[in-house]
Amino acid sequence: MKKLTISFAAVCVTIVGIAQSTNNVTVHLGSIPTSVNSNGKTQNVKTTRAEILRNPKLATNTPGTTIRQFTISFLPKGREFYGPFTIPGDQLPDDIKTKINEFSAGSKVFIENIKVSVNGETRTAQPILLSYSN
């Protein structure tokens, strides 16, 4: 498990957010909407732990799209950066769901490097940034 300082993590998130090309593919976690501002930059979405765990699957409304893999990282409230972990497919695995349950309210979740296949062409979708309460 990699541990990074908070400042380094913030720089990485900023760089990844700028570097990723969405090609008009928006991915969301379960029924939690992804928030993108008018400049095309992902914004933090506040949600609950229960909502994240209720439907822990990435999805998109773009026809012909398959989610291939993504990375997930955490900034637990009062703790060091945790991750990133590369996850194949579109589901949050059990060990990640366990961590979401363990981390306290106010923690942040970064879902990045979302690789999607759109009609056979691989693209990188916009990252998802969440913070959650109990």
Protein backbone atom coordinates (compact mmCIF):
# COMPACT_ATOMS: atom_id res chain seq x y z
CA MET A 1 0.00 0.00 0.00
CA LYS A 2 1.45 3.29 -1.09
CA LYS A 3 1.30 6.33 1.14
CA LEU A 4 1.79 9.80 -0.26
CA THR A 5 1.76 13.19 1.33
CA ILE A 6 -1.39 15.23 0.97
CA SER A 7 0.29 17.98 -1.07
CA PHE A 8 1.73 15.51 -3.57
CA ALA A 9 -1.68 13.85 -3.87
CA ALA A 10 -3.36 17.17 -4.61
CA VAL A 11 -0.83 17.92 -7.35
CA CYS A 12 -1.37 14.46 -8.87
CA VAL A 13 -5.15 14.86 -8.89
CA THR A 14 -4.83 18.25 -10.57
CA ILE A 15 -2.44 16.95 -13.23
CA VAL A 16 -4.58 13.88 -13.94
CA GLY A 17 -7.72 16.01 -14.19
CA ILE A 18 -6.08 18.30 -16.73
CA ALA A 19 -4.46 15.50 -18.74
CA GLN A 20 -7.47 13.23 -19.15
CA SER A 21 -9.49 13.56 -22.32
CA THR A 22 -13.19 12.81 -21.93
CA ASN A 23 -14.23 12.58 -25.57
CA ASN A 24 -17.80 13.23 -24.34
CA VAL A 25 -17.97 10.07 -22.19
CA THR A 26 -19.22 10.72 -18.67
CA VAL A 27 -19.02 7.92 -16.12
CA HIS A 28 -20.82 7.87 -12.77
CA LEU A 29 -20.80 5.61 -9.71
CA GLY A 30 -24.21 4.01 -9.24
CA SER A 31 -26.86 6.71 -9.10
CA ILE A 32 -24.40 9.40 -7.93
CA PRO A 33 -24.10 12.04 -10.66
CA THR A 34 -20.72 13.25 -11.87
CA SER A 35 -20.32 17.01 -11.62
CA VAL A 36 -18.37 18.82 -14.35
CA ASN A 37 -18.13 22.61 -14.40
CA SER A 38 -18.42 24.83 -17.50
CA ASN A 39 -14.65 24.56 -18.04
CA GLY A 40 -14.88 20.78 -18.26
CA LYS A 41 -13.23 20.22 -14.87
CA THR A 42 -14.61 17.60 -12.48
CA GLN A 43 -16.02 18.94 -9.24
CA ASN A 44 -16.36 17.21 -5.89
CA VAL A 45 -19.75 15.57 -5.27
CA LYS A 46 -20.96 15.16 -1.69
CA THR A 47 -22.73 11.89 -1.00
CA THR A 48 -23.14 9.28 1.72
CA ARG A 49 -21.27 6.09 2.46
CA ALA A 50 -24.57 4.18 2.06
CA GLU A 51 -25.11 5.62 -1.43
CA ILE A 52 -21.61 4.59 -2.54
CA LEU A 53 -22.07 1.06 -1.23
CA ARG A 54 -25.68 0.68 -2.46
CA ASN A 55 -24.59 0.38 -6.10
CA PRO A 56 -20.79 0.16 -6.27
CA LYS A 57 -20.62 -0.04 -10.05
CA LEU A 58 -19.35 2.48 -12.59
CA ALA A 59 -21.75 3.14 -15.43
CA THR A 60 -22.26 5.47 -18.38
CA ASN A 61 -25.21 6.54 -20.50
CA THR A 62 -23.14 6.52 -23.69
CA PRO A 63 -24.37 3.69 -25.97
CA GLY A 64 -21.75 1.13 -27.03
CA THR A 65 -19.49 1.90 -24.05
CA THR A 66 -17.78 -0.65 -21.79
CA ILE A 67 -15.78 0.33 -18.72
CA ARG A 68 -12.50 -1.60 -18.81
CA GLN A 69 -10.61 -0.42 -15.70
CA PHE A 70 -10.04 2.48 -13.31
CA THR A 71 -7.89 3.54 -10.40
CA ILE A 72 -9.24 4.42 -6.98
CA SER A 73 -7.55 6.35 -4.17
CA PHE A 74 -8.65 7.78 -0.86
CA LEU A 75 -7.87 10.74 1.32
CA PRO A 76 -9.31 9.54 4.63
CA LYS A 77 -10.18 12.34 7.02
CA GLY A 78 -7.26 12.85 9.38
CA ARG A 79 -5.08 10.22 7.69
CA GLU A 80 -2.57 9.90 4.87
CA PHE A 81 -3.42 9.43 1.19
CA TYR A 82 -4.22 5.77 0.44
CA GLY A 83 -3.78 4.32 -3.04
CA PRO A 84 -3.97 4.35 -6.01
CA PHE A 85 -5.25 0.87 -6.80
CA THR A 86 -5.96 -0.30 -10.35
CA ILE A 87 -9.30 -2.08 -10.59
CA PRO A 88 -10.25 -4.15 -13.66
CA GLY A 89 -13.83 -3.89 -14.85
CA ASP A 90 -16.55 -1.62 -13.49
CA GLN A 91 -17.20 -2.87 -9.92
CA LEU A 92 -15.73 -1.76 -6.60
CA PRO A 93 -14.18 -4.94 -5.15
CA ASP A 94 -14.96 -6.12 -1.61
CA ASP A 95 -11.65 -4.94 -0.15
CA ILE A 96 -12.31 -1.40 -1.43
CA LYS A 97 -15.85 -1.46 -0.02
CA THR A 98 -14.37 -2.52 3.32
CA LYS A 99 -12.06 0.51 3.27
CA ILE A 100 -14.98 2.83 2.50
CA ASN A 101 -16.70 1.44 5.60
CA GLU A 102 -13.54 1.86 7.71
CA PHE A 103 -12.70 5.45 6.77
CA SER A 104 -14.51 8.16 8.71
CA ALA A 105 -17.06 10.62 7.40
CA GLY A 106 -15.46 13.49 5.51
CA SER A 107 -13.12 11.17 3.59
CA LYS A 108 -12.58 11.73 -0.14
CA VAL A 109 -12.62 9.19 -2.97
CA PHE A 110 -10.78 9.72 -6.26
CA ILE A 111 -11.80 7.50 -9.18
CA GLU A 112 -9.43 8.28 -12.04
CA ASN A 113 -7.84 6.89 -15.19
CA ILE A 114 -11.22 5.45 -16.15
CA LYS A 115 -10.56 3.48 -19.32
CA VAL A 116 -13.61 2.93 -21.47
CA SER A 117 -14.11 1.21 -24.78
CA VAL A 118 -16.48 3.10 -27.08
CA ASN A 119 -17.35 1.06 -30.16
CA GLY A 120 -13.93 -0.61 -29.93
CA GLU A 121 -11.93 2.60 -29.35
CA THR A 122 -10.24 3.07 -25.95
CA ARG A 123 -10.77 6.43 -24.26
CA THR A 124 -10.16 7.93 -20.83
CA ALA A 125 -13.28 9.30 -19.15
CA GLN A 126 -13.51 12.26 -16.79
CA PRO A 127 -12.46 11.41 -13.19
CA ILE A 128 -14.98 11.14 -10.36
CA LEU A 129 -14.37 13.01 -7.08
CA LEU A 130 -16.52 12.18 -4.08
CA SER A 131 -16.59 13.08 -0.41
CA TYR A 132 -18.92 11.22 1.88
CA SER A 133 -20.72 11.46 5.20
CA ASN A 134 -22.08 8.55 7.21
